[in-house]
Amino acid sequence: QASLNFDPFKKGVSAEYNVWDERIKELRLGMIFETNNDVQRAVKLWSIKHNREYKVRESKPTTWYVRCKSHSASLPCNWQLRATLWCTHNIWKIVTFVKEHTCVRVSNSNDHRQLSLELIAEYIIHYVQNGPLYAIKEIQTSIKRAFDTDVSYKKAWYTRWRAIDIVYGDWPTSISALPTYK
């Protein structure tokens, strides 16, 4: 099993090795990732940054393929991305990437479909660690500042509970950890 040896924080290394840099959030053909989850996270963050949504068309153990959400017979859009697992190196690589969308952006969607509860919870978890009473409006403001996307009150509320579960544990787990007396 081969592995890549590089320091991702060394200046210029992401361009040299063609790896994802979360600070820049740009995708390129030939970009490599350690796991399929890393590919999916990168595409999510890229699509949020560019205010574009996608649908997964194929998800297999060795292939992940997505197309523009607007792609249909009546509204064709060329944007697509395919990543495959290189079994010899145990890495994922973007093998197809059409960067430009040819569809008309229908709306500036509030509450982006790729901005999931897990992604927001990951972003706000340090606030919840400081105190679980992190206000919903503060969550909405933080997400707007970080991702330039509005989230609904409902999504922010569920995200806060998800982050609380991650930090403190969920109710069933907490209750099962209590001592029982006979």
Protein backbone atom coordinates (compact mmCIF):
# COMPACT_ATOMS: atom_id res chain seq x y z
CA GLN A 1 0.00 0.00 0.00
CA ALA A 2 1.55 3.29 -1.12
CA SER A 3 1.21 6.52 0.82
CA LEU A 4 1.89 10.14 0.05
CA ASN A 5 4.47 11.96 2.15
CA PHE A 6 3.95 15.69 2.19
CA ASP A 7 3.37 18.58 4.58
CA PRO A 8 0.04 20.17 3.55
CA PHE A 9 0.90 23.39 5.37
CA LYS A 10 4.16 23.93 3.49
CA LYS A 11 3.77 26.89 1.13
CA GLY A 12 2.83 25.84 -2.40
CA VAL A 13 2.50 22.15 -1.58
CA SER A 14 -1.21 21.92 -2.47
CA ALA A 15 -0.50 23.12 -6.02
CA GLU A 16 2.62 20.94 -6.32
CA TYR A 17 0.83 17.75 -5.26
CA ASN A 18 -2.62 18.79 -6.53
CA VAL A 19 -4.32 18.27 -3.15
CA TRP A 20 -7.35 20.01 -1.66
CA ASP A 21 -6.75 23.20 0.31
CA GLU A 22 -9.77 23.98 2.48
CA ARG A 23 -8.76 27.64 2.84
CA ILE A 24 -8.98 28.21 -0.94
CA LYS A 25 -11.87 25.80 -1.69
CA GLU A 26 -11.02 25.30 -5.36
CA LEU A 27 -11.22 22.01 -7.26
CA ARG A 28 -9.00 20.92 -10.15
CA LEU A 29 -8.89 17.99 -12.54
CA GLY A 30 -6.41 15.43 -11.19
CA MET A 31 -6.78 16.55 -7.58
CA ILE A 32 -6.15 13.73 -5.09
CA PHE A 33 -7.82 12.84 -1.77
CA GLU A 34 -7.26 10.24 0.92
CA THR A 35 -10.89 9.06 1.13
CA ASN A 36 -14.22 9.26 -0.64
CA ASN A 37 -15.51 11.32 2.31
CA ASP A 38 -12.73 13.85 1.67
CA VAL A 39 -13.84 14.13 -1.97
CA GLN A 40 -17.46 14.64 -0.93
CA ARG A 41 -16.54 17.28 1.66
CA ALA A 42 -14.40 19.19 -0.85
CA VAL A 43 -17.16 19.17 -3.49
CA LYS A 44 -19.69 20.30 -0.86
CA LEU A 45 -17.52 23.23 0.21
CA TRP A 46 -16.75 24.16 -3.41
CA SER A 47 -20.43 24.11 -4.35
CA ILE A 48 -21.39 26.22 -1.33
CA LYS A 49 -18.65 28.75 -2.16
CA HIS A 50 -19.92 29.02 -5.76
CA ASN A 51 -23.60 28.89 -4.73
CA ARG A 52 -24.28 25.89 -6.95
CA GLU A 53 -26.10 22.72 -6.04
CA TYR A 54 -25.53 19.20 -7.33
CA LYS A 55 -27.10 15.76 -7.28
CA VAL A 56 -25.23 12.52 -6.80
CA ARG A 57 -25.72 10.39 -9.94
CA GLU A 58 -23.48 7.46 -9.01
CA SER A 59 -22.02 6.35 -5.70
CA LYS A 60 -20.09 3.09 -5.69
CA PRO A 61 -17.15 1.85 -3.61
CA THR A 62 -14.72 2.97 -6.34
CA THR A 63 -16.60 5.83 -8.07
CA TRP A 64 -18.43 8.97 -7.03
CA TYR A 65 -20.16 11.01 -9.78
CA VAL A 66 -22.17 14.24 -9.44
CA ARG A 67 -23.94 16.58 -11.89
CA CYS A 68 -25.48 20.01 -11.63
CA LYS A 69 -28.86 19.96 -9.91
CA SER A 70 -30.29 21.89 -12.86
CA HIS A 71 -29.19 19.28 -15.41
CA SER A 72 -32.13 17.88 -17.32
CA ALA A 73 -33.20 17.34 -20.90
CA SER A 74 -34.86 20.76 -21.03
CA LEU A 75 -32.10 22.57 -19.09
CA PRO A 76 -28.81 20.92 -19.97
CA CYS A 77 -25.82 21.93 -17.85
CA ASN A 78 -22.35 20.61 -18.56
CA TRP A 79 -21.06 20.82 -14.95
CA GLN A 80 -20.03 17.43 -13.64
CA LEU A 81 -17.40 15.79 -11.49
CA ARG A 82 -16.28 12.17 -11.23
CA ALA A 83 -13.77 10.87 -8.72
CA THR A 84 -12.44 7.33 -8.69
CA LEU A 85 -10.39 5.24 -6.32
CA TRP A 86 -6.91 4.40 -7.54
CA CYS A 87 -6.57 0.97 -5.95
CA THR A 88 -2.82 0.76 -6.57
CA HIS A 89 -2.19 3.90 -4.47
CA ASN A 90 -5.33 3.76 -2.29
CA ILE A 91 -6.19 7.38 -3.11
CA TRP A 92 -9.16 9.11 -4.74
CA LYS A 93 -8.61 11.27 -7.80
CA ILE A 94 -10.84 13.65 -9.74
CA VAL A 95 -10.84 12.17 -13.25
CA THR A 96 -13.64 14.25 -14.81
CA PHE A 97 -14.29 17.87 -13.96
CA VAL A 98 -16.19 20.41 -16.01
CA LYS A 99 -15.71 23.56 -13.93
CA GLU A 100 -18.12 25.94 -15.62
CA HIS A 101 -21.87 25.68 -15.31
CA THR A 102 -23.77 26.27 -18.56
CA CYS A 103 -27.12 26.64 -16.81
CA VAL A 104 -28.64 29.88 -15.67
CA ARG A 105 -28.56 30.23 -11.92
CA VAL A 106 -32.26 30.02 -11.15
CA SER A 107 -32.06 31.64 -7.73
CA ASN A 108 -29.69 32.66 -5.02
CA SER A 109 -30.90 29.84 -2.86
CA ASN A 110 -31.10 30.43 0.82
CA ASP A 111 -30.49 27.28 2.79
CA HIS A 112 -28.10 25.58 0.33
CA ARG A 113 -28.85 21.85 0.01
CA GLN A 114 -25.18 20.86 0.41
CA LEU A 115 -24.86 22.85 3.65
CA SER A 116 -25.76 19.87 5.82
CA LEU A 117 -26.38 19.63 9.54
CA GLU A 118 -23.11 17.73 9.96
CA LEU A 119 -21.09 20.40 8.15
CA ILE A 120 -22.63 23.25 10.15
CA ALA A 121 -22.31 21.29 13.42
CA GLU A 122 -18.62 20.77 12.69
CA TYR A 123 -18.26 24.51 12.17
CA ILE A 124 -20.12 25.58 15.35
CA ILE A 125 -18.92 22.82 17.69
CA HIS A 126 -16.32 25.03 19.42
CA TYR A 127 -19.07 27.55 20.27
CA VAL A 128 -21.19 24.78 21.80
CA GLN A 129 -18.20 23.53 23.80
CA ASN A 130 -18.03 26.99 25.39
CA GLY A 131 -21.70 26.72 26.35
CA PRO A 132 -24.71 24.86 24.93
CA LEU A 133 -26.84 28.01 24.97
CA TYR A 134 -25.45 29.24 21.65
CA ALA A 135 -28.39 31.25 20.25
CA ILE A 136 -30.00 30.24 16.96
CA LYS A 137 -29.63 33.78 15.57
CA GLU A 138 -25.90 33.65 16.39
CA ILE A 139 -25.61 30.35 14.52
CA GLN A 140 -27.37 31.86 11.51
CA THR A 141 -25.06 34.90 11.62
CA SER A 142 -21.92 32.74 11.94
CA ILE A 143 -22.94 30.56 9.00
CA LYS A 144 -23.78 33.60 6.87
CA ARG A 145 -20.33 35.05 7.65
CA ALA A 146 -18.46 31.78 7.04
CA PHE A 147 -20.30 30.42 3.98
CA ASP A 148 -22.12 33.49 2.60
CA THR A 149 -25.34 31.46 2.74
CA ASP A 150 -28.44 31.87 4.85
CA VAL A 151 -29.78 28.93 6.83
CA SER A 152 -33.32 28.53 8.06
CA TYR A 153 -34.15 28.85 11.73
CA LYS A 154 -35.19 25.18 11.70
CA LYS A 155 -31.88 23.99 10.23
CA ALA A 156 -29.91 26.13 12.70
CA TRP A 157 -31.97 24.73 15.60
CA TYR A 158 -31.42 21.11 14.53
CA THR A 159 -27.73 21.83 13.97
CA ARG A 160 -27.34 23.18 17.49
CA TRP A 161 -28.85 19.97 18.88
CA ARG A 162 -26.58 17.88 16.65
CA ALA A 163 -23.52 19.78 17.93
CA ILE A 164 -24.72 19.34 21.55
CA ASP A 165 -25.09 15.59 20.89
CA ILE A 166 -21.55 15.44 19.51
CA VAL A 167 -20.08 17.32 22.49
CA TYR A 168 -22.15 15.94 25.38
CA GLY A 169 -23.63 12.72 23.96
CA ASP A 170 -27.20 12.02 22.94
CA TRP A 171 -30.04 11.27 25.37
CA PRO A 172 -30.24 7.47 24.87
CA THR A 173 -26.48 7.10 25.36
CA SER A 174 -26.49 9.33 28.44
CA ILE A 175 -29.43 7.51 30.00
CA SER A 176 -27.91 4.08 29.34
CA ALA A 177 -24.72 5.22 31.10
CA LEU A 178 -26.64 5.90 34.35
CA PRO A 179 -26.23 3.27 37.04
CA THR A 180 -29.13 0.89 37.51
CA TYR A 181 -30.30 -0.47 40.84
CA LYS A 182 -32.09 -3.75 41.42
